[in-house]
Amino acid sequence: MKLITFDEGRVGRIDGDDVIELDIPSTKAFFEAEGRVGETGEVVPLADVRLRAPIVPKKFFHTAGNFAAHHQELQKVNWSHPVHKGIVFFQNVDAIIGPDDPIVYPEHLTSELDYELELAVILGKPGKFFSPEEAWDHIAGFTVFNDITARDIQRREMKSGVFSFSKGIDTFCPIGPWIVTKDEIDDPQKLAMELRVNGEVRQRGNTDQMLVTLPHLVAYHSPQIFSAGDIITTGTISGVAAIQENPFDFYLQPGDVVEAEIEGVGTLRNPVVSWQDAHGEPAPAKVDW
């Protein structure tokens, strides 16, 4: 099943070229109801709906350094602290945007806007302190996540060994285009991943390159207490702009279009726009702390 949020907060499932509207106020509520949800009887063409971010979770768990190639390439970045695969932190859920929503370039805050393609896992039921063997029962589905990051801000944050602000700025959390339930994915540990900017491939990898597998990752997070509809990300693959020989040739700029694709899950497309175009006025004055 492909679950979507569309138009002004309606929920549906895709059936071929149509959307079957579900009688539930949100996809989070869908998982809280364990999927026991009726239909409204309304059917609309998929081509006529406006897709939104498929879910706004109660908690959004980040994972860092979980792909071997990306973990190795991070050694090229002059961080003050290493990025270990066990790093876990929370995303700002108010920064979530959906497919085709603009990523707003806050030029008064950063000049190093980077991309990170990640698989996002949707938790289908609450739980805590469970084993990897029990983890699959808690996984409900998957969506695509593009972890937009201000590298210059991250570099300052890393002096304390942590990072959050650099990834939690308004519009820095694109997810979508829908949630694919796990029964539609034969093996989520064998999915091709590719991120393109203006049609040019920037990242390419596979979920089989994870250092920590999905059930172990989900179990590892479980002491922080899962709610139905929570999201866990799996870390990014190699190819981010920050590790390139000339990163400023690769950092995102207004006018760019980013396509983040995961086999069997979908393609998440977002344009990058200037502060002026997004807000109708120049960016605020830069403030240095």
Protein backbone atom coordinates (compact mmCIF):
# COMPACT_ATOMS: atom_id res chain seq x y z
CA MET A 1 0.00 0.00 0.00
CA LYS A 2 1.11 3.55 -0.74
CA LEU A 3 -0.28 5.95 1.86
CA ILE A 4 -0.44 9.66 1.07
CA THR A 5 -1.43 12.92 2.63
CA PHE A 6 -2.91 15.18 -0.02
CA ASP A 7 -4.55 18.53 -0.65
CA GLU A 8 -5.48 20.12 2.68
CA GLY A 9 -4.67 17.29 5.05
CA ARG A 10 -6.70 14.47 3.51
CA VAL A 11 -5.39 10.89 3.75
CA GLY A 12 -5.63 8.23 1.09
CA ARG A 13 -4.13 5.14 -0.47
CA ILE A 14 -3.05 4.95 -4.08
CA ASP A 15 -4.92 2.47 -6.26
CA GLY A 16 -3.46 2.54 -9.75
CA ASP A 17 -4.08 6.04 -11.11
CA ASP A 18 -6.57 6.90 -8.36
CA VAL A 19 -6.57 7.86 -4.71
CA ILE A 20 -9.02 6.16 -2.35
CA GLU A 21 -9.72 8.59 0.49
CA LEU A 22 -9.48 7.09 3.97
CA ASP A 23 -11.70 8.09 6.88
CA ILE A 24 -8.88 9.18 9.19
CA PRO A 25 -7.48 12.66 9.97
CA SER A 26 -3.78 11.82 9.47
CA THR A 27 -1.40 9.02 8.58
CA LYS A 28 -0.12 9.17 12.15
CA ALA A 29 -3.67 8.41 13.30
CA PHE A 30 -3.77 5.60 10.72
CA PHE A 31 -0.86 3.85 12.44
CA GLU A 32 -2.25 4.60 15.89
CA ALA A 33 -5.42 2.78 14.75
CA GLU A 34 -3.23 -0.11 13.54
CA GLY A 35 -4.54 0.44 10.02
CA ARG A 36 -8.12 -0.45 10.95
CA VAL A 37 -9.54 2.46 9.01
CA GLY A 38 -12.57 2.81 6.75
CA GLU A 39 -12.94 4.64 3.47
CA THR A 40 -15.00 7.77 2.84
CA GLY A 41 -16.22 6.51 -0.52
CA GLU A 42 -14.51 9.31 -2.43
CA VAL A 43 -12.15 8.42 -5.27
CA VAL A 44 -10.07 11.10 -7.01
CA PRO A 45 -7.49 10.88 -9.81
CA LEU A 46 -3.93 10.84 -8.49
CA ALA A 47 -2.98 13.38 -11.16
CA ASP A 48 -5.45 15.88 -9.66
CA VAL A 49 -4.21 15.85 -6.05
CA ARG A 50 -1.45 17.88 -4.40
CA LEU A 51 0.83 15.57 -2.46
CA ARG A 52 1.91 16.77 0.98
CA ALA A 53 4.47 15.46 3.45
CA PRO A 54 3.12 11.93 4.06
CA ILE A 55 3.37 12.12 7.85
CA VAL A 56 4.28 14.45 10.72
CA PRO A 57 5.52 12.17 13.50
CA LYS A 58 5.59 12.73 17.22
CA LYS A 59 9.32 11.91 17.23
CA PHE A 60 11.87 11.93 14.41
CA PHE A 61 15.09 10.04 15.19
CA HIS A 62 18.25 10.78 13.20
CA THR A 63 21.09 8.32 12.60
CA ALA A 64 24.59 9.38 11.50
CA GLY A 65 27.54 7.61 9.90
CA ASN A 66 25.70 4.35 9.17
CA PHE A 67 26.87 3.69 5.58
CA ALA A 68 30.40 2.35 5.13
CA ALA A 69 31.39 4.52 2.14
CA HIS A 70 29.99 7.71 3.66
CA HIS A 71 31.61 6.87 7.00
CA GLN A 72 34.97 6.58 5.21
CA GLU A 73 34.58 9.78 3.21
CA LEU A 74 33.77 11.73 6.38
CA GLN A 75 37.40 11.23 7.36
CA LYS A 76 38.22 13.78 4.62
CA VAL A 77 36.13 16.46 6.34
CA ASN A 78 37.94 18.53 8.93
CA TRP A 79 35.47 17.90 11.76
CA SER A 80 36.70 18.61 15.25
CA HIS A 81 35.06 15.34 16.42
CA PRO A 82 34.53 12.05 14.55
CA VAL A 83 31.05 11.09 13.37
CA HIS A 84 30.35 7.68 14.86
CA LYS A 85 27.61 5.38 13.61
CA GLY A 86 26.04 5.39 17.07
CA ILE A 87 25.22 9.12 17.00
CA VAL A 88 21.49 9.66 17.50
CA PHE A 89 19.66 12.97 17.62
CA PHE A 90 16.20 14.41 17.02
CA GLN A 91 14.96 16.27 13.96
CA ASN A 92 12.74 19.34 14.20
CA VAL A 93 9.36 18.10 12.96
CA ASP A 94 8.27 21.68 12.19
CA ALA A 95 10.95 21.71 9.46
CA ILE A 96 9.18 18.93 7.52
CA ILE A 97 8.11 19.66 3.95
CA GLY A 98 6.67 17.40 1.27
CA PRO A 99 7.20 16.62 -2.41
CA ASP A 100 7.66 19.67 -4.67
CA ASP A 101 7.72 21.99 -1.66
CA PRO A 102 10.62 24.46 -1.89
CA ILE A 103 13.77 24.18 0.19
CA VAL A 104 14.37 27.80 1.20
CA TYR A 105 18.01 28.88 1.07
CA PRO A 106 18.65 30.99 4.21
CA GLU A 107 21.64 32.93 2.88
CA HIS A 108 21.89 34.95 6.09
CA LEU A 109 22.67 31.70 7.93
CA THR A 110 24.69 29.53 5.55
CA SER A 111 26.65 29.41 2.31
CA GLU A 112 27.19 25.63 2.40
CA LEU A 113 23.83 23.98 1.75
CA ASP A 114 24.23 20.22 1.33
CA TYR A 115 22.03 17.19 0.56
CA GLU A 116 21.88 13.71 2.14
CA LEU A 117 19.67 10.97 0.72
CA GLU A 118 18.35 8.63 3.42
CA LEU A 119 15.82 5.87 3.84
CA ALA A 120 13.27 6.72 6.54
CA VAL A 121 11.57 3.97 8.54
CA ILE A 122 8.01 4.48 9.78
CA LEU A 123 7.17 2.83 13.11
CA GLY A 124 3.75 1.22 13.10
CA LYS A 125 3.20 0.64 16.79
CA PRO A 126 4.51 1.83 20.14
CA GLY A 127 7.18 -0.02 22.05
CA LYS A 128 10.40 0.18 24.04
CA PHE A 129 13.36 -1.98 25.05
CA PHE A 130 12.86 -4.68 22.42
CA SER A 131 15.33 -6.87 20.55
CA PRO A 132 16.35 -6.85 16.86
CA GLU A 133 14.34 -10.05 16.44
CA GLU A 134 11.23 -8.16 17.55
CA ALA A 135 11.96 -5.03 15.52
CA TRP A 136 10.28 -6.09 12.27
CA ASP A 137 6.93 -6.19 14.07
CA HIS A 138 7.35 -2.47 14.82
CA ILE A 139 8.28 -1.42 11.27
CA ALA A 140 5.26 -0.35 9.23
CA GLY A 141 6.77 1.15 6.10
CA PHE A 142 9.26 3.45 4.45
CA THR A 143 9.59 6.86 2.84
CA VAL A 144 12.37 8.96 1.30
CA PHE A 145 14.19 11.60 3.35
CA ASN A 146 16.59 14.31 2.14
CA ASP A 147 18.60 15.50 5.13
CA ILE A 148 19.37 19.09 4.11
CA THR A 149 22.36 20.37 6.09
CA ALA A 150 24.13 23.70 6.55
CA ARG A 151 27.73 22.47 6.68
CA ASP A 152 29.26 25.70 7.97
CA ILE A 153 26.84 25.67 10.90
CA GLN A 154 27.48 21.95 11.41
CA ARG A 155 31.22 22.61 11.52
CA ARG A 156 30.73 25.04 14.41
CA GLU A 157 28.37 22.66 16.19
CA MET A 158 30.83 19.81 15.84
CA LYS A 159 33.25 21.66 18.10
CA SER A 160 30.96 20.39 20.84
CA GLY A 161 30.67 16.99 19.20
CA VAL A 162 26.96 17.34 18.38
CA PHE A 163 24.84 18.75 15.57
CA SER A 164 21.19 19.72 15.38
CA PHE A 165 20.63 23.36 14.36
CA SER A 166 22.44 22.75 11.05
CA LYS A 167 19.79 20.18 10.07
CA GLY A 168 16.67 21.56 11.75
CA ILE A 169 16.19 24.91 9.96
CA ASP A 170 12.82 25.66 8.35
CA THR A 171 12.25 23.53 5.18
CA PHE A 172 15.39 21.44 5.80
CA CYS A 173 13.42 18.18 6.23
CA PRO A 174 11.85 17.02 2.93
CA ILE A 175 10.11 13.63 3.14
CA GLY A 176 7.86 11.75 0.73
CA PRO A 177 6.36 11.35 -1.72
CA TRP A 178 4.36 8.71 0.18
CA ILE A 179 4.71 5.90 2.70
CA VAL A 180 5.20 2.46 1.20
CA THR A 181 4.06 -0.25 3.60
CA LYS A 182 6.62 -2.96 4.29
CA ASP A 183 4.61 -5.70 2.57
CA GLU A 184 5.41 -4.03 -0.77
CA ILE A 185 9.18 -4.18 -0.23
CA ASP A 186 10.73 -7.63 -0.74
CA ASP A 187 14.02 -6.77 0.99
CA PRO A 188 14.55 -3.26 2.40
CA GLN A 189 18.24 -4.11 2.85
CA LYS A 190 18.71 -4.34 -0.94
CA LEU A 191 17.35 -1.06 -2.33
CA ALA A 192 19.24 1.10 -4.82
CA MET A 193 19.57 4.76 -3.78
CA GLU A 194 20.34 7.77 -5.99
CA LEU A 195 20.26 11.53 -5.53
CA ARG A 196 20.37 13.92 -8.48
CA VAL A 197 20.77 17.70 -8.69
CA ASN A 198 19.48 19.17 -11.94
CA GLY A 199 19.58 15.66 -13.41
CA GLU A 200 23.24 15.08 -12.45
CA VAL A 201 23.90 12.10 -10.19
CA ARG A 202 25.52 13.21 -6.94
CA GLN A 203 24.92 10.21 -4.67
CA ARG A 204 24.55 6.54 -5.53
CA GLY A 205 24.47 3.58 -3.17
CA ASN A 206 22.40 0.75 -1.76
CA THR A 207 20.80 -0.05 1.58
CA ASP A 208 22.94 -3.20 1.71
CA GLN A 209 25.87 -0.91 2.61
CA MET A 210 24.50 -0.12 6.07
CA LEU A 211 26.86 -0.82 8.94
CA VAL A 212 23.92 -1.27 11.32
CA THR A 213 20.99 -3.15 9.77
CA LEU A 214 17.39 -1.98 10.04
CA PRO A 215 16.25 -4.34 12.84
CA HIS A 216 19.33 -3.55 14.93
CA LEU A 217 18.91 0.18 14.30
CA VAL A 218 15.24 0.13 15.31
CA ALA A 219 16.00 -1.93 18.41
CA TYR A 220 18.87 0.39 19.32
CA HIS A 221 16.55 3.39 19.35
CA SER A 222 13.76 1.64 21.25
CA PRO A 223 14.85 2.67 24.80
CA GLN A 224 13.85 6.21 23.76
CA ILE A 225 10.23 4.94 23.51
CA PHE A 226 8.45 4.63 20.18
CA SER A 227 5.03 6.01 19.36
CA ALA A 228 3.03 4.83 16.36
CA GLY A 229 4.01 6.94 13.37
CA ASP A 230 7.49 7.87 14.62
CA ILE A 231 10.31 8.06 12.06
CA ILE A 232 13.86 6.69 12.20
CA THR A 233 16.34 7.61 9.47
CA THR A 234 19.16 5.29 8.46
CA GLY A 235 22.02 7.66 7.59
CA THR A 236 23.18 8.75 4.15
CA ILE A 237 25.24 7.20 1.37
CA SER A 238 28.46 8.57 -0.12
CA GLY A 239 28.69 11.57 -2.42
CA VAL A 240 27.64 14.57 -0.33
CA ALA A 241 28.93 17.97 -1.46
CA ALA A 242 31.06 18.58 1.66
CA ILE A 243 33.56 15.83 0.81
CA GLN A 244 34.20 16.90 -2.78
CA GLU A 245 37.55 18.40 -3.77
CA ASN A 246 35.76 21.66 -4.60
CA PRO A 247 32.60 21.49 -2.44
CA PHE A 248 31.36 24.94 -3.47
CA ASP A 249 30.89 23.52 -6.97
CA PHE A 250 28.43 21.03 -5.46
CA TYR A 251 26.60 22.84 -2.66
CA LEU A 252 22.95 23.57 -3.43
CA GLN A 253 21.96 26.95 -4.84
CA PRO A 254 18.64 28.70 -5.56
CA GLY A 255 17.31 27.40 -8.85
CA ASP A 256 18.52 23.83 -8.28
CA VAL A 257 16.12 20.89 -8.34
CA VAL A 258 16.93 17.90 -6.13
CA GLU A 259 15.56 14.43 -6.82
CA ALA A 260 16.08 11.83 -4.09
CA GLU A 261 15.16 8.32 -5.21
CA ILE A 262 15.04 4.94 -3.47
CA GLU A 263 14.14 1.80 -5.38
CA GLY A 264 10.62 0.60 -4.60
CA VAL A 265 9.94 3.56 -2.31
CA GLY A 266 9.73 6.53 -4.66
CA THR A 267 11.28 9.77 -5.85
CA LEU A 268 11.17 12.90 -3.72
CA ARG A 269 11.59 16.08 -5.75
CA ASN A 270 12.21 19.55 -4.26
CA PRO A 271 13.32 22.85 -5.80
CA VAL A 272 15.72 25.17 -3.98
CA VAL A 273 14.56 28.80 -3.83
CA SER A 274 16.07 32.02 -2.52
CA TRP A 275 14.85 33.73 0.62
CA GLN A 276 13.63 36.62 -1.56
CA ASP A 277 11.52 34.34 -3.76
CA ALA A 278 10.11 32.47 -0.77
CA HIS A 279 9.29 35.45 1.43
CA GLY A 280 9.02 38.38 -0.95
CA GLU A 281 11.71 40.36 0.84
CA PRO A 282 15.49 40.24 1.30
CA ALA A 283 16.97 37.86 3.84
CA PRO A 284 17.50 39.26 7.33
CA ALA A 285 20.89 40.67 8.23
CA LYS A 286 23.49 38.05 9.06
CA VAL A 287 24.17 37.68 12.76
CA ASP A 288 27.38 36.08 13.98
CA TRP A 289 27.44 34.45 17.40
